[in-house]
Amino acid sequence: MKIVTLATPTVVKNELRQPVEGPLIVSDGEAARLKENNLLDGEPEDLPDEASDTDPEDLDGMTVADLHILVTKEGVPLNDATKKADIIAAIKKHREPAA
């Protein structure tokens, strides 16, 4: 898995994604495709094993990139959330026990 930042609006996983969304987590093959087509801002980075050394409960202290890693690991549906506060709200909602 790779972390990429888009340079232009681009279709990723059959969905139009915007550069303002920030870093995205994609497969190695998808990262290679995006790079070959000059659609990235910078080089793809390897997805770290751990999002960071921060406490996973301290969502406010995490970067947007770390939150995206957490979202991927926990399978949180973002439903077009791109702002840090919206991503944190989606994570908290996903973690709530089912009623």
PDB file of N, CA and C in Angstrom:
ATOM      1  N   MET A   1       0.843  -1.176   0.000  1.00  0.00           N
ATOM      2  CA  MET A   1       0.000   0.000   0.000  1.00  0.00           C
ATOM      3  C   MET A   1       0.890   1.241   0.000  1.00  0.00           C
ATOM      4  N   LYS A   2       0.398   2.281  -0.646  1.00  0.00           N
ATOM      5  CA  LYS A   2       1.132   3.536  -0.787  1.00  0.00           C
ATOM      6  C   LYS A   2       0.250   4.714  -0.380  1.00  0.00           C
ATOM      7  N   ILE A   3       0.902   5.782   0.042  1.00  0.00           N
ATOM      8  CA  ILE A   3       0.228   7.042   0.307  1.00  0.00           C
ATOM      9  C   ILE A   3       0.597   7.973  -0.840  1.00  0.00           C
ATOM     10  N   VAL A   4      -0.427   8.552  -1.485  1.00  0.00           N
ATOM     11  CA  VAL A   4      -0.188   9.441  -2.616  1.00  0.00           C
ATOM     12  C   VAL A   4      -0.965  10.748  -2.426  1.00  0.00           C
ATOM     13  N   THR A   5      -0.470  11.785  -3.074  1.00  0.00           N
ATOM     14  CA  THR A   5      -1.169  13.070  -3.106  1.00  0.00           C
ATOM     15  C   THR A   5      -1.395  13.412  -4.570  1.00  0.00           C
ATOM     16  N   LEU A   6      -2.630  13.674  -4.915  1.00  0.00           N
ATOM     17  CA  LEU A   6      -2.976  13.951  -6.308  1.00  0.00           C
ATOM     18  C   LEU A   6      -2.595  15.366  -6.714  1.00  0.00           C
ATOM     19  N   ALA A   7      -2.194  15.511  -7.970  1.00  0.00           N
ATOM     20  CA  ALA A   7      -1.873  16.828  -8.524  1.00  0.00           C
ATOM     21  C   ALA A   7      -3.086  17.430  -9.223  1.00  0.00           C
ATOM     22  N   THR A   8      -3.960  16.574  -9.744  1.00  0.00           N
ATOM     23  CA  THR A   8      -5.149  17.020 -10.470  1.00  0.00           C
ATOM     24  C   THR A   8      -6.322  16.122 -10.090  1.00  0.00           C
ATOM     25  N   PRO A   9      -7.552  16.554 -10.347  1.00  0.00           N
ATOM     26  CA  PRO A   9      -8.683  15.652 -10.130  1.00  0.00           C
ATOM     27  C   PRO A   9      -8.478  14.376 -10.951  1.00  0.00           C
ATOM     28  N   THR A  10      -8.661  13.239 -10.314  1.00  0.00           N
ATOM     29  CA  THR A  10      -8.315  11.960 -10.928  1.00  0.00           C
ATOM     30  C   THR A  10      -9.287  10.878 -10.462  1.00  0.00           C
ATOM     31  N   VAL A  11      -9.564   9.926 -11.335  1.00  0.00           N
ATOM     32  CA  VAL A  11     -10.383   8.781 -10.952  1.00  0.00           C
ATOM     33  C   VAL A  11      -9.495   7.761 -10.246  1.00  0.00           C
ATOM     34  N   VAL A  12      -9.862   7.437  -9.019  1.00  0.00           N
ATOM     35  CA  VAL A  12      -9.157   6.441  -8.212  1.00  0.00           C
ATOM     36  C   VAL A  12     -10.207   5.478  -7.691  1.00  0.00           C
ATOM     37  N   LYS A  13     -10.027   4.190  -7.966  1.00  0.00           N
ATOM     38  CA  LYS A  13     -10.984   3.163  -7.544  1.00  0.00           C
ATOM     39  C   LYS A  13     -12.399   3.508  -8.018  1.00  0.00           C
ATOM     40  N   ASN A  14     -12.508   3.905  -9.280  1.00  0.00           N
ATOM     41  CA  ASN A  14     -13.786   4.225  -9.926  1.00  0.00           C
ATOM     42  C   ASN A  14     -14.510   5.406  -9.295  1.00  0.00           C
ATOM     43  N   GLU A  15     -13.775   6.287  -8.610  1.00  0.00           N
ATOM     44  CA  GLU A  15     -14.373   7.449  -7.976  1.00  0.00           C
ATOM     45  C   GLU A  15     -13.501   8.672  -8.265  1.00  0.00           C
ATOM     46  N   LEU A  16     -14.134   9.782  -8.658  1.00  0.00           N
ATOM     47  CA  LEU A  16     -13.381  11.007  -8.921  1.00  0.00           C
ATOM     48  C   LEU A  16     -12.891  11.568  -7.593  1.00  0.00           C
ATOM     49  N   ARG A  17     -11.583  11.706  -7.462  1.00  0.00           N
ATOM     50  CA  ARG A  17     -10.967  12.234  -6.244  1.00  0.00           C
ATOM     51  C   ARG A  17     -10.304  13.559  -6.551  1.00  0.00           C
ATOM     52  N   GLN A  18     -10.269  14.453  -5.572  1.00  0.00           N
ATOM     53  CA  GLN A  18      -9.748  15.803  -5.728  1.00  0.00           C
ATOM     54  C   GLN A  18      -8.468  15.985  -4.917  1.00  0.00           C
ATOM     55  N   PRO A  19      -7.535  16.809  -5.398  1.00  0.00           N
ATOM     56  CA  PRO A  19      -6.304  17.066  -4.637  1.00  0.00           C
ATOM     57  C   PRO A  19      -6.565  17.639  -3.245  1.00  0.00           C
ATOM     58  N   VAL A  20      -7.654  18.395  -3.076  1.00  0.00           N
ATOM     59  CA  VAL A  20      -7.950  19.005  -1.775  1.00  0.00           C
ATOM     60  C   VAL A  20      -8.294  17.982  -0.701  1.00  0.00           C
ATOM     61  N   GLU A  21      -8.533  16.737  -1.101  1.00  0.00           N
ATOM     62  CA  GLU A  21      -8.831  15.685  -0.131  1.00  0.00           C
ATOM     63  C   GLU A  21      -7.616  15.307   0.699  1.00  0.00           C
ATOM     64  N   GLY A  22      -6.440  15.682   0.229  1.00  0.00           N
ATOM     65  CA  GLY A  22      -5.226  15.338   0.952  1.00  0.00           C
ATOM     66  C   GLY A  22      -4.724  13.970   0.537  1.00  0.00           C
ATOM     67  N   PRO A  23      -3.816  13.407   1.321  1.00  0.00           N
ATOM     68  CA  PRO A  23      -3.215  12.122   0.968  1.00  0.00           C
ATOM     69  C   PRO A  23      -4.258  10.996   0.892  1.00  0.00           C
ATOM     70  N   LEU A  24      -4.060  10.116  -0.075  1.00  0.00           N
ATOM     71  CA  LEU A  24      -4.923   8.947  -0.255  1.00  0.00           C
ATOM     72  C   LEU A  24      -4.087   7.688  -0.086  1.00  0.00           C
ATOM     73  N   ILE A  25      -4.715   6.636   0.365  1.00  0.00           N
ATOM     74  CA  ILE A  25      -4.043   5.346   0.473  1.00  0.00           C
ATOM     75  C   ILE A  25      -4.530   4.478  -0.677  1.00  0.00           C
ATOM     76  N   VAL A  26      -3.581   4.009  -1.483  1.00  0.00           N
ATOM     77  CA  VAL A  26      -3.910   3.210  -2.662  1.00  0.00           C
ATOM     78  C   VAL A  26      -2.993   1.991  -2.729  1.00  0.00           C
ATOM     79  N   SER A  27      -3.343   1.061  -3.593  1.00  0.00           N
ATOM     80  CA  SER A  27      -2.500  -0.114  -3.789  1.00  0.00           C
ATOM     81  C   SER A  27      -1.212   0.286  -4.505  1.00  0.00           C
ATOM     82  N   ASP A  28      -0.225  -0.587  -4.442  1.00  0.00           N
ATOM     83  CA  ASP A  28       1.041  -0.327  -5.129  1.00  0.00           C
ATOM     84  C   ASP A  28       0.815  -0.159  -6.629  1.00  0.00           C
ATOM     85  N   GLY A  29      -0.042  -0.989  -7.202  1.00  0.00           N
ATOM     86  CA  GLY A  29      -0.326  -0.915  -8.631  1.00  0.00           C
ATOM     87  C   GLY A  29      -1.005   0.386  -9.012  1.00  0.00           C
ATOM     88  N   GLU A  30      -1.954   0.815  -8.189  1.00  0.00           N
ATOM     89  CA  GLU A  30      -2.650   2.076  -8.453  1.00  0.00           C
ATOM     90  C   GLU A  30      -1.678   3.248  -8.333  1.00  0.00           C
ATOM     91  N   ALA A  31      -0.791   3.211  -7.351  1.00  0.00           N
ATOM     92  CA  ALA A  31       0.213   4.267  -7.195  1.00  0.00           C
ATOM     93  C   ALA A  31       1.115   4.326  -8.426  1.00  0.00           C
ATOM     94  N   ALA A  32       1.508   3.168  -8.937  1.00  0.00           N
ATOM     95  CA  ALA A  32       2.354   3.121 -10.135  1.00  0.00           C
ATOM     96  C   ALA A  32       1.619   3.702 -11.337  1.00  0.00           C
ATOM     97  N   ARG A  33       0.336   3.383 -11.482  1.00  0.00           N
ATOM     98  CA  ARG A  33      -0.465   3.906 -12.592  1.00  0.00           C
ATOM     99  C   ARG A  33      -0.566   5.425 -12.513  1.00  0.00           C
ATOM    100  N   LEU A  34      -0.844   5.932 -11.322  1.00  0.00           N
ATOM    101  CA  LEU A  34      -0.972   7.372 -11.146  1.00  0.00           C
ATOM    102  C   LEU A  34       0.353   8.080 -11.434  1.00  0.00           C
ATOM    103  N   LYS A  35       1.452   7.470 -10.984  1.00  0.00           N
ATOM    104  CA  LYS A  35       2.770   8.064 -11.219  1.00  0.00           C
ATOM    105  C   LYS A  35       3.108   8.060 -12.709  1.00  0.00           C
ATOM    106  N   GLU A  36       2.869   6.943 -13.389  1.00  0.00           N
ATOM    107  CA  GLU A  36       3.172   6.828 -14.819  1.00  0.00           C
ATOM    108  C   GLU A  36       2.410   7.863 -15.638  1.00  0.00           C
ATOM    109  N   ASN A  37       1.213   8.226 -15.176  1.00  0.00           N
ATOM    110  CA  ASN A  37       0.383   9.184 -15.908  1.00  0.00           C
ATOM    111  C   ASN A  37       0.560  10.618 -15.405  1.00  0.00           C
ATOM    112  N   ASN A  38       1.602  10.845 -14.581  1.00  0.00           N
ATOM    113  CA  ASN A  38       1.910  12.183 -14.062  1.00  0.00           C
ATOM    114  C   ASN A  38       0.727  12.840 -13.358  1.00  0.00           C
ATOM    115  N   LEU A  39       0.028  12.069 -12.542  1.00  0.00           N
ATOM    116  CA  LEU A  39      -1.144  12.568 -11.836  1.00  0.00           C
ATOM    117  C   LEU A  39      -0.875  12.849 -10.365  1.00  0.00           C
ATOM    118  N   LEU A  40       0.377  12.667  -9.932  1.00  0.00           N
ATOM    119  CA  LEU A  40       0.706  12.820  -8.519  1.00  0.00           C
ATOM    120  C   LEU A  40       1.481  14.101  -8.243  1.00  0.00           C
ATOM    121  N   ASP A  41       1.286  14.615  -7.051  1.00  0.00           N
ATOM    122  CA  ASP A  41       2.087  15.715  -6.545  1.00  0.00           C
ATOM    123  C   ASP A  41       3.132  15.078  -5.636  1.00  0.00           C
ATOM    124  N   GLY A  42       4.313  14.846  -6.166  1.00  0.00           N
ATOM    125  CA  GLY A  42       5.367  14.171  -5.415  1.00  0.00           C
ATOM    126  C   GLY A  42       5.388  12.681  -5.689  1.00  0.00           C
ATOM    127  N   GLU A  43       6.181  11.976  -4.920  1.00  0.00           N
ATOM    128  CA  GLU A  43       6.357  10.541  -5.089  1.00  0.00           C
ATOM    129  C   GLU A  43       5.449   9.763  -4.135  1.00  0.00           C
ATOM    130  N   PRO A  44       5.010   8.565  -4.522  1.00  0.00           N
ATOM    131  CA  PRO A  44       4.256   7.718  -3.595  1.00  0.00           C
ATOM    132  C   PRO A  44       5.144   7.333  -2.405  1.00  0.00           C
ATOM    133  N   GLU A  45       4.533   7.255  -1.229  1.00  0.00           N
ATOM    134  CA  GLU A  45       5.258   6.858  -0.030  1.00  0.00           C
ATOM    135  C   GLU A  45       4.699   5.533   0.469  1.00  0.00           C
ATOM    136  N   ASP A  46       5.558   4.718   1.071  1.00  0.00           N
ATOM    137  CA  ASP A  46       5.105   3.461   1.651  1.00  0.00           C
ATOM    138  C   ASP A  46       4.204   3.731   2.840  1.00  0.00           C
ATOM    139  N   LEU A  47       3.171   2.932   2.969  1.00  0.00           N
ATOM    140  CA  LEU A  47       2.284   3.010   4.116  1.00  0.00           C
ATOM    141  C   LEU A  47       3.007   2.428   5.319  1.00  0.00           C
ATOM    142  N   PRO A  48       3.182   3.206   6.383  1.00  0.00           N
ATOM    143  CA  PRO A  48       3.892   2.669   7.549  1.00  0.00           C
ATOM    144  C   PRO A  48       3.075   1.581   8.245  1.00  0.00           C
ATOM    145  N   ASP A  49       3.767   0.705   8.957  1.00  0.00           N
ATOM    146  CA  ASP A  49       3.077  -0.340   9.704  1.00  0.00           C
ATOM    147  C   ASP A  49       2.184   0.254  10.782  1.00  0.00           C
ATOM    148  N   GLU A  50       2.668   1.288  11.420  1.00  0.00           N
ATOM    149  CA  GLU A  50       1.900   1.998  12.437  1.00  0.00           C
ATOM    150  C   GLU A  50       1.640   3.395  11.923  1.00  0.00           C
ATOM    151  N   ALA A  51       0.450   3.924  12.162  1.00  0.00           N
ATOM    152  CA  ALA A  51       0.130   5.271  11.708  1.00  0.00           C
ATOM    153  C   ALA A  51       1.099   6.279  12.313  1.00  0.00           C
ATOM    154  N   SER A  52       1.373   6.135  13.579  1.00  0.00           N
ATOM    155  CA  SER A  52       2.367   6.975  14.253  1.00  0.00           C
ATOM    156  C   SER A  52       2.481   6.481  15.676  1.00  0.00           C
ATOM    157  N   ASP A  53       3.331   7.132  16.445  1.00  0.00           N
ATOM    158  CA  ASP A  53       3.477   6.757  17.842  1.00  0.00           C
ATOM    159  C   ASP A  53       2.442   7.429  18.717  1.00  0.00           C
ATOM    160  N   THR A  54       1.494   8.154  18.124  1.00  0.00           N
ATOM    161  CA  THR A  54       0.483   8.837  18.915  1.00  0.00           C
ATOM    162  C   THR A  54      -0.554   7.843  19.413  1.00  0.00           C
ATOM    163  N   ASP A  55      -1.237   8.237  20.470  1.00  0.00           N
ATOM    164  CA  ASP A  55      -2.299   7.429  21.055  1.00  0.00           C
ATOM    165  C   ASP A  55      -3.457   7.339  20.062  1.00  0.00           C
ATOM    166  N   PRO A  56      -3.930   6.136  19.697  1.00  0.00           N
ATOM    167  CA  PRO A  56      -5.012   6.018  18.724  1.00  0.00           C
ATOM    168  C   PRO A  56      -6.325   6.635  19.206  1.00  0.00           C
ATOM    169  N   GLU A  57      -6.433   6.883  20.507  1.00  0.00           N
ATOM    170  CA  GLU A  57      -7.628   7.529  21.030  1.00  0.00           C
ATOM    171  C   GLU A  57      -7.527   9.050  20.914  1.00  0.00           C
ATOM    172  N   ASP A  58      -6.331   9.601  20.698  1.00  0.00           N
ATOM    173  CA  ASP A  58      -6.127  11.040  20.577  1.00  0.00           C
ATOM    174  C   ASP A  58      -6.245  11.443  19.109  1.00  0.00           C
ATOM    175  N   LEU A  59      -7.453  11.397  18.594  1.00  0.00           N
ATOM    176  CA  LEU A  59      -7.678  11.680  17.181  1.00  0.00           C
ATOM    177  C   LEU A  59      -7.314  13.116  16.828  1.00  0.00           C
ATOM    178  N   ASP A  60      -7.575  14.068  17.732  1.00  0.00           N
ATOM    179  CA  ASP A  60      -7.269  15.470  17.460  1.00  0.00           C
ATOM    180  C   ASP A  60      -5.772  15.702  17.301  1.00  0.00           C
ATOM    181  N   GLY A  61      -4.955  14.880  17.948  1.00  0.00           N
ATOM    182  CA  GLY A  61      -3.514  15.032  17.875  1.00  0.00           C
ATOM    183  C   GLY A  61      -2.893  14.382  16.650  1.00  0.00           C
ATOM    184  N   MET A  62      -3.699  13.672  15.860  1.00  0.00           N
ATOM    185  CA  MET A  62      -3.194  12.978  14.679  1.00  0.00           C
ATOM    186  C   MET A  62      -3.235  13.898  13.465  1.00  0.00           C
ATOM    187  N   THR A  63      -2.347  13.646  12.518  1.00  0.00           N
ATOM    188  CA  THR A  63      -2.378  14.379  11.253  1.00  0.00           C
ATOM    189  C   THR A  63      -3.466  13.786  10.361  1.00  0.00           C
ATOM    190  N   VAL A  64      -3.834  14.518   9.329  1.00  0.00           N
ATOM    191  CA  VAL A  64      -4.842  14.011   8.393  1.00  0.00           C
ATOM    192  C   VAL A  64      -4.343  12.723   7.733  1.00  0.00           C
ATOM    193  N   ALA A  65      -3.055  12.666   7.409  1.00  0.00           N
ATOM    194  CA  ALA A  65      -2.498  11.449   6.805  1.00  0.00           C
ATOM    195  C   ALA A  65      -2.626  10.263   7.769  1.00  0.00           C
ATOM    196  N   ASP A  66      -2.331  10.487   9.060  1.00  0.00           N
ATOM    197  CA  ASP A  66      -2.480   9.416  10.051  1.00  0.00           C
ATOM    198  C   ASP A  66      -3.937   9.004  10.196  1.00  0.00           C
ATOM    199  N   LEU A  67      -4.847   9.973  10.137  1.00  0.00           N
ATOM    200  CA  LEU A  67      -6.277   9.653  10.221  1.00  0.00           C
ATOM    201  C   LEU A  67      -6.709   8.798   9.029  1.00  0.00           C
ATOM    202  N   HIS A  68      -6.184   9.100   7.839  1.00  0.00           N
ATOM    203  CA  HIS A  68      -6.519   8.298   6.656  1.00  0.00           C
ATOM    204  C   HIS A  68      -6.008   6.866   6.813  1.00  0.00           C
ATOM    205  N   ILE A  69      -4.856   6.698   7.411  1.00  0.00           N
ATOM    206  CA  ILE A  69      -4.335   5.356   7.668  1.00  0.00           C
ATOM    207  C   ILE A  69      -5.250   4.625   8.636  1.00  0.00           C
ATOM    208  N   LEU A  70      -5.664   5.304   9.692  1.00  0.00           N
ATOM    209  CA  LEU A  70      -6.565   4.710  10.679  1.00  0.00           C
ATOM    210  C   LEU A  70      -7.895   4.335  10.041  1.00  0.00           C
ATOM    211  N   VAL A  71      -8.415   5.212   9.191  1.00  0.00           N
ATOM    212  CA  VAL A  71      -9.671   4.954   8.481  1.00  0.00           C
ATOM    213  C   VAL A  71      -9.553   3.677   7.655  1.00  0.00           C
ATOM    214  N   THR A  72      -8.442   3.524   6.958  1.00  0.00           N
ATOM    215  CA  THR A  72      -8.228   2.341   6.133  1.00  0.00           C
ATOM    216  C   THR A  72      -8.148   1.085   6.995  1.00  0.00           C
ATOM    217  N   LYS A  73      -7.397   1.149   8.096  1.00  0.00           N
ATOM    218  CA  LYS A  73      -7.239  -0.017   8.962  1.00  0.00           C
ATOM    219  C   LYS A  73      -8.553  -0.433   9.614  1.00  0.00           C
ATOM    220  N   GLU A  74      -9.394   0.555  10.005  1.00  0.00           N
ATOM    221  CA  GLU A  74     -10.636   0.252  10.707  1.00  0.00           C
ATOM    222  C   GLU A  74     -11.826   0.098   9.771  1.00  0.00           C
ATOM    223  N   GLY A  75     -11.642   0.391   8.491  1.00  0.00           N
ATOM    224  CA  GLY A  75     -12.738   0.254   7.530  1.00  0.00           C
ATOM    225  C   GLY A  75     -13.831   1.286   7.734  1.00  0.00           C
ATOM    226  N   VAL A  76     -13.451   2.504   8.073  1.00  0.00           N
ATOM    227  CA  VAL A  76     -14.415   3.571   8.342  1.00  0.00           C
ATOM    228  C   VAL A  76     -14.909   4.172   7.025  1.00  0.00           C
ATOM    229  N   PRO A  77     -16.229   4.204   6.802  1.00  0.00           N
ATOM    230  CA  PRO A  77     -16.737   4.871   5.604  1.00  0.00           C
ATOM    231  C   PRO A  77     -16.681   6.392   5.793  1.00  0.00           C
ATOM    232  N   LEU A  78     -15.999   7.092   4.888  1.00  0.00           N
ATOM    233  CA  LEU A  78     -15.857   8.546   5.029  1.00  0.00           C
ATOM    234  C   LEU A  78     -17.013   9.326   4.413  1.00  0.00           C
ATOM    235  N   ASN A  79     -17.714   8.732   3.461  1.00  0.00           N
ATOM    236  CA  ASN A  79     -18.850   9.414   2.833  1.00  0.00           C
ATOM    237  C   ASN A  79     -18.519  10.853   2.441  1.00  0.00           C
ATOM    238  N   ASP A  80     -17.464  11.035   1.671  1.00  0.00           N
ATOM    239  CA  ASP A  80     -17.026  12.337   1.147  1.00  0.00           C
ATOM    240  C   ASP A  80     -16.424  13.261   2.195  1.00  0.00           C
ATOM    241  N   ALA A  81     -16.155  12.792   3.399  1.00  0.00           N
ATOM    242  CA  ALA A  81     -15.510  13.630   4.416  1.00  0.00           C
ATOM    243  C   ALA A  81     -14.066  13.886   3.998  1.00  0.00           C
ATOM    244  N   THR A  82     -13.668  15.140   3.958  1.00  0.00           N
ATOM    245  CA  THR A  82     -12.298  15.490   3.583  1.00  0.00           C
ATOM    246  C   THR A  82     -11.615  16.355   4.641  1.00  0.00           C
ATOM    247  N   LYS A  83     -12.393  17.063   5.441  1.00  0.00           N
ATOM    248  CA  LYS A  83     -11.820  17.917   6.480  1.00  0.00           C
ATOM    249  C   LYS A  83     -11.511  17.086   7.718  1.00  0.00           C
ATOM    250  N   LYS A  84     -10.481  17.490   8.444  1.00  0.00           N
ATOM    251  CA  LYS A  84     -10.028  16.745   9.614  1.00  0.00           C
ATOM    252  C   LYS A  84     -11.173  16.515  10.599  1.00  0.00           C
ATOM    253  N   ALA A  85     -11.931  17.549  10.895  1.00  0.00           N
ATOM    254  CA  ALA A  85     -13.035  17.419  11.861  1.00  0.00           C
ATOM    255  C   ALA A  85     -14.079  16.414  11.370  1.00  0.00           C
ATOM    256  N   ASP A  86     -14.366  16.413  10.077  1.00  0.00           N
ATOM    257  CA  ASP A  86     -15.350  15.479   9.521  1.00  0.00           C
ATOM    258  C   ASP A  86     -14.829  14.040   9.553  1.00  0.00           C
ATOM    259  N   ILE A  87     -13.536  13.871   9.298  1.00  0.00           N
ATOM    260  CA  ILE A  87     -12.931  12.535   9.346  1.00  0.00           C
ATOM    261  C   ILE A  87     -12.972  11.997  10.773  1.00  0.00           C
ATOM    262  N   ILE A  88     -12.642  12.852  11.750  1.00  0.00           N
ATOM    263  CA  ILE A  88     -12.696  12.445  13.169  1.00  0.00           C
ATOM    264  C   ILE A  88     -14.117  12.073  13.553  1.00  0.00           C
ATOM    265  N   ALA A  89     -15.103  12.859  13.114  1.00  0.00           N
ATOM    266  CA  ALA A  89     -16.508  12.550  13.414  1.00  0.00           C
ATOM    267  C   ALA A  89     -16.904  11.199  12.822  1.00  0.00           C
ATOM    268  N   ALA A  90     -16.445  10.904  11.604  1.00  0.00           N
ATOM    269  CA  ALA A  90     -16.758   9.618  10.975  1.00  0.00           C
ATOM    270  C   ALA A  90     -16.140   8.454  11.751  1.00  0.00           C
ATOM    271  N   ILE A  91     -14.907   8.641  12.222  1.00  0.00           N
ATOM    272  CA  ILE A  91     -14.249   7.594  13.018  1.00  0.00           C
ATOM    273  C   ILE A  91     -15.004   7.351  14.315  1.00  0.00           C
ATOM    274  N   LYS A  92     -15.356   8.433  15.011  1.00  0.00           N
ATOM    275  CA  LYS A  92     -16.089   8.296  16.281  1.00  0.00           C
ATOM    276  C   LYS A  92     -17.440   7.619  16.073  1.00  0.00           C
ATOM    277  N   LYS A  93     -18.131   7.980  14.995  1.00  0.00           N
ATOM    278  CA  LYS A  93     -19.432   7.364  14.707  1.00  0.00           C
ATOM    279  C   LYS A  93     -19.252   5.874  14.418  1.00  0.00           C
ATOM    280  N   HIS A  94     -18.206   5.536  13.674  1.00  0.00           N
ATOM    281  CA  HIS A  94     -17.936   4.139  13.336  1.00  0.00           C
ATOM    282  C   HIS A  94     -17.599   3.316  14.581  1.00  0.00           C
ATOM    283  N   ARG A  95     -16.960   3.940  15.547  1.00  0.00           N
ATOM    284  CA  ARG A  95     -16.550   3.235  16.764  1.00  0.00           C
ATOM    285  C   ARG A  95     -17.679   3.074  17.774  1.00  0.00           C
ATOM    286  N   GLU A  96     -18.781   3.818  17.610  1.00  0.00           N
ATOM    287  CA  GLU A  96     -19.906   3.714  18.542  1.00  0.00           C
ATOM    288  C   GLU A  96     -20.493   2.314  18.490  1.00  0.00           C
ATOM    289  N   PRO A  97     -20.852   1.767  19.655  1.00  0.00           N
ATOM    290  CA  PRO A  97     -21.474   0.436  19.639  1.00  0.00           C
ATOM    291  C   PRO A  97     -22.843   0.503  18.965  1.00  0.00           C
ATOM    292  N   ALA A  98     -23.177  -0.538  18.249  1.00  0.00           N
ATOM    293  CA  ALA A  98     -24.476  -0.596  17.568  1.00  0.00           C
ATOM    294  C   ALA A  98     -25.588  -0.640  18.604  1.00  0.00           C
ATOM    295  N   ALA A  99     -26.633   0.131  18.350  1.00  0.00           N
ATOM    296  CA  ALA A  99     -27.745   0.204  19.309  1.00  0.00           C
ATOM    297  C   ALA A  99     -28.712  -0.951  19.106  1.00  0.00           C
TER     298      ALA A  99
END
